[in-house]
C-alpha atoms as a PDB file:
ATOM      1  CA  MET A   1      -7.216  -9.270  -7.081  1.00  0.00           C
ATOM      2  CA  THR A   2      -7.098  -9.051  -3.345  1.00  0.00           C
ATOM      3  CA  GLN A   3      -6.820  -6.106  -0.957  1.00  0.00           C
ATOM      4  CA  CYS A   4      -3.639  -5.291   1.454  1.00  0.00           C
ATOM      5  CA  LYS A   5      -4.945  -5.321   4.939  1.00  0.00           C
ATOM      6  CA  GLU A   6      -2.272  -2.639   5.785  1.00  0.00           C
ATOM      7  CA  CYS A   7      -2.278  -0.026   2.747  1.00  0.00           C
ATOM      8  CA  GLY A   8      -5.572  -1.085   1.016  1.00  0.00           C
ATOM      9  CA  ASN A   9      -3.479  -1.541  -2.323  1.00  0.00           C
ATOM     10  CA  GLY A  10      -4.718  -3.927  -4.556  1.00  0.00           C
ATOM     11  CA  TYR A  11      -2.271  -6.811  -5.438  1.00  0.00           C
ATOM     12  CA  GLU A  12      -2.218 -10.690  -7.043  1.00  0.00           C
ATOM     13  CA  VAL A  13       0.745 -11.724  -5.291  1.00  0.00           C
ATOM     14  CA  GLY A  14       1.484 -11.208  -1.677  1.00  0.00           C
ATOM     15  CA  VAL A  15       2.527 -11.992   1.834  1.00  0.00           C
ATOM     16  CA  ARG A  16      -0.385 -13.181   3.877  1.00  0.00           C
ATOM     17  CA  GLU A  17      -3.156 -11.278   3.082  1.00  0.00           C
ATOM     18  CA  PHE A  18      -0.464  -8.032   2.543  1.00  0.00           C
ATOM     19  CA  CYS A  19       0.760  -6.623  -0.631  1.00  0.00           C
ATOM     20  CA  SER A  20       4.470  -6.818   0.809  1.00  0.00           C
ATOM     21  CA  GLU A  21       6.629  -8.041   3.209  1.00  0.00           C
ATOM     22  CA  ASP A  22       7.039  -4.343   4.562  1.00  0.00           C
ATOM     23  CA  CYS A  23       3.109  -3.962   5.135  1.00  0.00           C
ATOM     24  CA  PHE A  24       3.029  -7.422   6.786  1.00  0.00           C
ATOM     25  CA  LYS A  25       6.370  -6.140   9.223  1.00  0.00           C
ATOM     26  CA  LYS A  26       4.315  -2.909   9.848  1.00  0.00           C
ATOM     27  CA  ASN A  27       0.966  -4.503  10.671  1.00  0.00           C
ATOM     28  CA  ILE A  28       2.665  -6.942  13.043  1.00  0.00           C
ATOM     29  CA  GLN A  29       4.549  -4.131  14.848  1.00  0.00           C
ATOM     30  CA  LYS A  30       1.235  -1.893  15.009  1.00  0.00           C
ATOM     31  CA  ARG A  31      -0.292  -5.440  16.776  1.00  0.00           C
ATOM     32  CA  ILE A  32       2.325  -5.696  19.062  1.00  0.00           C
ATOM     33  CA  ASP A  33       2.209  -1.796  20.125  1.00  0.00           C
ATOM     34  CA  ASP A  34      -1.601  -1.710  20.471  1.00  0.00           C
ATOM     35  CA  ALA A  35      -1.230  -5.321  22.815  1.00  0.00           C
ATOM     36  CA  THR A  36       1.182  -3.785  25.038  1.00  0.00           C
ATOM     37  CA  ALA A  37       0.377   0.069  25.380  1.00  0.00           C
ATOM     38  CA  ASN A  38      -1.744  -0.406  28.200  1.00  0.00           C
ATOM     39  CA  GLU A  39      -0.200  -3.420  29.769  1.00  0.00           C
ATOM     40  CA  LYS A  40       0.527  -3.537  33.414  1.00  0.00           C
ATOM     41  CA  SER A  41       2.810  -6.446  33.770  1.00  0.00           C
ATOM     42  CA  HIS A  42       5.206  -8.093  36.314  1.00  0.00           C
ATOM     43  CA  THR A  43       8.236  -6.434  34.951  1.00  0.00           C
ATOM     44  CA  SER A  44       6.984  -2.612  35.982  1.00  0.00           C
ATOM     45  CA  LYS A  45       6.420  -3.918  39.409  1.00  0.00           C
ATOM     46  CA  LEU A  46      10.275  -5.210  39.541  1.00  0.00           C
ATOM     47  CA  THR A  47      11.432  -1.699  38.454  1.00  0.00           C
ATOM     48  CA  LYS A  48       9.480  -0.132  41.574  1.00  0.00           C
ATOM     49  CA  GLU A  49      11.785   0.340  44.768  1.00  0.00           C
ATOM     50  CA  ASP A  50       9.205  -0.728  47.802  1.00  0.00           C
ATOM     51  CA  SER A  51       9.183   2.086  50.428  1.00  0.00           C
END
């Protein structure tokens, strides 16, 4: 039995190391949020007005 990377539940058939599609989507969203939380991209510069 394999353990889900998101919720920790054991499963036999799942989606890419996760027990369900929901856990897979939650994990992807969490990784996106972590990656973009402190990102200072060029888009933030575009929204500021030059003075």
